[in-house]
């Protein structure tokens, strides 16, 4: 049995959300299109250096199809460091979606 088929056979102890189930199906099929998928895979997309100091708290889709991303630093002292890394964060998200998806990144203390 292939490795992908084993993912279908796993069953969690409790039901998950539709976004989580669709995100896993989209990952198996290689499709990346939703903001819920971004939220679920935040740690993998950002890598440990950014994911350890910033958590995704809000994603708002604008009328033109871009996203406004709000991050919460693990410690308020990381806000300045994250502001310097905002271009890197934006590039990682855009690379994940395969298009220019991020309009703005803001920080919440």
C-alpha atoms as a PDB file:
ATOM      1  CA  UNK A   1       0.000   0.000   0.000  1.00  0.00           C
ATOM      2  CA  UNK A   2       1.403   3.403  -0.873  1.00  0.00           C
ATOM      3  CA  UNK A   3       2.207   6.045   1.704  1.00  0.00           C
ATOM      4  CA  UNK A   4      -0.611   8.322   0.502  1.00  0.00           C
ATOM      5  CA  UNK A   5      -3.242   5.598   0.925  1.00  0.00           C
ATOM      6  CA  UNK A   6      -2.184   5.132   4.553  1.00  0.00           C
ATOM      7  CA  UNK A   7      -3.210   8.736   5.253  1.00  0.00           C
ATOM      8  CA  UNK A   8      -6.784   7.865   4.305  1.00  0.00           C
ATOM      9  CA  UNK A   9      -6.835   4.896   6.689  1.00  0.00           C
ATOM     10  CA  UNK A  10      -5.857   6.914   9.770  1.00  0.00           C
ATOM     11  CA  UNK A  11      -8.719   7.945  11.974  1.00  0.00           C
ATOM     12  CA  UNK A  12      -8.495  10.522  14.690  1.00  0.00           C
ATOM     13  CA  UNK A  13     -10.011  10.039  18.119  1.00  0.00           C
ATOM     14  CA  UNK A  14     -12.368  12.944  17.604  1.00  0.00           C
ATOM     15  CA  UNK A  15     -13.838  14.623  14.551  1.00  0.00           C
ATOM     16  CA  UNK A  16     -11.886  17.451  12.963  1.00  0.00           C
ATOM     17  CA  UNK A  17     -13.018  20.565  11.179  1.00  0.00           C
ATOM     18  CA  UNK A  18     -13.982  20.659   7.533  1.00  0.00           C
ATOM     19  CA  UNK A  19     -11.104  23.056   6.878  1.00  0.00           C
ATOM     20  CA  UNK A  20      -8.676  20.615   8.470  1.00  0.00           C
ATOM     21  CA  UNK A  21      -9.997  17.677   6.475  1.00  0.00           C
ATOM     22  CA  UNK A  22      -9.992  19.654   3.245  1.00  0.00           C
ATOM     23  CA  UNK A  23      -6.499  20.933   4.014  1.00  0.00           C
ATOM     24  CA  UNK A  24      -5.195  17.385   4.354  1.00  0.00           C
ATOM     25  CA  UNK A  25      -6.961  16.318   1.165  1.00  0.00           C
ATOM     26  CA  UNK A  26      -5.563  19.353  -0.633  1.00  0.00           C
ATOM     27  CA  UNK A  27      -2.074  18.487   0.633  1.00  0.00           C
ATOM     28  CA  UNK A  28      -2.392  14.920  -0.667  1.00  0.00           C
ATOM     29  CA  UNK A  29      -3.541  16.234  -4.052  1.00  0.00           C
ATOM     30  CA  UNK A  30      -0.921  18.990  -4.064  1.00  0.00           C
ATOM     31  CA  UNK A  31      -3.403  21.883  -4.058  1.00  0.00           C
ATOM     32  CA  UNK A  32      -2.770  24.973  -1.925  1.00  0.00           C
ATOM     33  CA  UNK A  33      -5.520  27.529  -2.090  1.00  0.00           C
ATOM     34  CA  UNK A  34      -7.105  28.444   1.212  1.00  0.00           C
ATOM     35  CA  UNK A  35      -6.344  30.669   4.145  1.00  0.00           C
ATOM     36  CA  UNK A  36      -7.392  27.831   6.472  1.00  0.00           C
ATOM     37  CA  UNK A  37      -4.658  25.732   4.896  1.00  0.00           C
ATOM     38  CA  UNK A  38      -2.160  28.520   5.628  1.00  0.00           C
ATOM     39  CA  UNK A  39      -3.245  28.643   9.271  1.00  0.00           C
ATOM     40  CA  UNK A  40      -3.000  24.890   9.726  1.00  0.00           C
ATOM     41  CA  UNK A  41       0.452  24.628   8.166  1.00  0.00           C
ATOM     42  CA  UNK A  42       1.910  27.840   9.608  1.00  0.00           C
ATOM     43  CA  UNK A  43       4.784  26.099  11.420  1.00  0.00           C
ATOM     44  CA  UNK A  44       5.830  24.143   8.338  1.00  0.00           C
ATOM     45  CA  UNK A  45       5.571  27.133   5.973  1.00  0.00           C
ATOM     46  CA  UNK A  46       7.482  29.579   8.161  1.00  0.00           C
ATOM     47  CA  UNK A  47      10.080  27.209   9.554  1.00  0.00           C
ATOM     48  CA  UNK A  48      11.172  27.041  13.179  1.00  0.00           C
ATOM     49  CA  UNK A  49      12.990  30.393  13.245  1.00  0.00           C
ATOM     50  CA  UNK A  50       9.815  32.413  12.583  1.00  0.00           C
ATOM     51  CA  UNK A  51       7.156  29.995  13.854  1.00  0.00           C
ATOM     52  CA  UNK A  52       8.712  29.930  17.340  1.00  0.00           C
ATOM     53  CA  UNK A  53       8.444  33.696  17.764  1.00  0.00           C
ATOM     54  CA  UNK A  54       5.247  34.518  15.815  1.00  0.00           C
ATOM     55  CA  UNK A  55       1.805  32.944  15.740  1.00  0.00           C
ATOM     56  CA  UNK A  56      -0.794  33.627  13.078  1.00  0.00           C
ATOM     57  CA  UNK A  57      -3.848  35.212  14.719  1.00  0.00           C
ATOM     58  CA  UNK A  58      -5.887  36.599  11.814  1.00  0.00           C
ATOM     59  CA  UNK A  59      -6.214  36.364   8.057  1.00  0.00           C
ATOM     60  CA  UNK A  60      -8.515  38.786   6.286  1.00  0.00           C
ATOM     61  CA  UNK A  61      -9.166  38.523   2.592  1.00  0.00           C
ATOM     62  CA  UNK A  62      -9.490  41.830   0.777  1.00  0.00           C
ATOM     63  CA  UNK A  63     -11.829  42.509  -2.121  1.00  0.00           C
ATOM     64  CA  UNK A  64      -9.008  42.193  -4.614  1.00  0.00           C
ATOM     65  CA  UNK A  65      -8.164  38.664  -3.400  1.00  0.00           C
ATOM     66  CA  UNK A  66      -5.097  39.518  -1.331  1.00  0.00           C
ATOM     67  CA  UNK A  67      -4.642  38.709   2.370  1.00  0.00           C
ATOM     68  CA  UNK A  68      -4.003  40.976   5.332  1.00  0.00           C
ATOM     69  CA  UNK A  69      -2.058  38.894   7.842  1.00  0.00           C
ATOM     70  CA  UNK A  70      -1.952  39.620  11.591  1.00  0.00           C
ATOM     71  CA  UNK A  71       0.774  38.049  13.706  1.00  0.00           C
ATOM     72  CA  UNK A  72       1.188  37.875  17.484  1.00  0.00           C
ATOM     73  CA  UNK A  73       4.788  37.758  18.730  1.00  0.00           C
ATOM     74  CA  UNK A  74       5.536  35.221  21.480  1.00  0.00           C
ATOM     75  CA  UNK A  75       7.090  38.110  23.401  1.00  0.00           C
ATOM     76  CA  UNK A  76       6.455  41.827  22.692  1.00  0.00           C
ATOM     77  CA  UNK A  77      10.216  42.286  22.354  1.00  0.00           C
ATOM     78  CA  UNK A  78      10.084  40.241  19.117  1.00  0.00           C
ATOM     79  CA  UNK A  79       7.816  42.779  17.399  1.00  0.00           C
ATOM     80  CA  UNK A  80      10.714  44.848  16.074  1.00  0.00           C
ATOM     81  CA  UNK A  81      12.583  41.750  14.875  1.00  0.00           C
ATOM     82  CA  UNK A  82       9.452  40.495  13.092  1.00  0.00           C
ATOM     83  CA  UNK A  83       8.925  43.873  11.440  1.00  0.00           C
ATOM     84  CA  UNK A  84      12.416  43.535   9.951  1.00  0.00           C
ATOM     85  CA  UNK A  85      11.519  40.010   8.808  1.00  0.00           C
ATOM     86  CA  UNK A  86       8.173  41.013   7.257  1.00  0.00           C
ATOM     87  CA  UNK A  87       9.522  40.811   3.688  1.00  0.00           C
ATOM     88  CA  UNK A  88      10.800  37.290   4.345  1.00  0.00           C
ATOM     89  CA  UNK A  89       7.439  36.290   5.869  1.00  0.00           C
ATOM     90  CA  UNK A  90       5.579  37.788   2.918  1.00  0.00           C
ATOM     91  CA  UNK A  91       7.838  35.970   0.438  1.00  0.00           C
ATOM     92  CA  UNK A  92       7.311  32.608   2.171  1.00  0.00           C
ATOM     93  CA  UNK A  93       3.525  33.023   2.100  1.00  0.00           C
ATOM     94  CA  UNK A  94       3.562  34.174  -1.528  1.00  0.00           C
ATOM     95  CA  UNK A  95       5.766  31.217  -2.461  1.00  0.00           C
ATOM     96  CA  UNK A  96       3.349  28.863  -0.710  1.00  0.00           C
ATOM     97  CA  UNK A  97       0.344  30.210  -2.620  1.00  0.00           C
ATOM     98  CA  UNK A  98       2.298  30.557  -5.851  1.00  0.00           C
ATOM     99  CA  UNK A  99       1.185  34.147  -6.380  1.00  0.00           C
ATOM    100  CA  UNK A 100       1.378  37.625  -4.881  1.00  0.00           C
ATOM    101  CA  UNK A 101      -1.094  36.868  -2.076  1.00  0.00           C
ATOM    102  CA  UNK A 102      -0.109  39.125   0.859  1.00  0.00           C
ATOM    103  CA  UNK A 103      -1.102  42.770   0.849  1.00  0.00           C
ATOM    104  CA  UNK A 104      -0.161  43.696   4.429  1.00  0.00           C
ATOM    105  CA  UNK A 105       1.373  42.186   7.566  1.00  0.00           C
ATOM    106  CA  UNK A 106       0.523  43.698  10.936  1.00  0.00           C
ATOM    107  CA  UNK A 107       1.419  42.810  14.513  1.00  0.00           C
ATOM    108  CA  UNK A 108      -0.754  42.526  17.603  1.00  0.00           C
ATOM    109  CA  UNK A 109       0.730  42.629  21.091  1.00  0.00           C
END
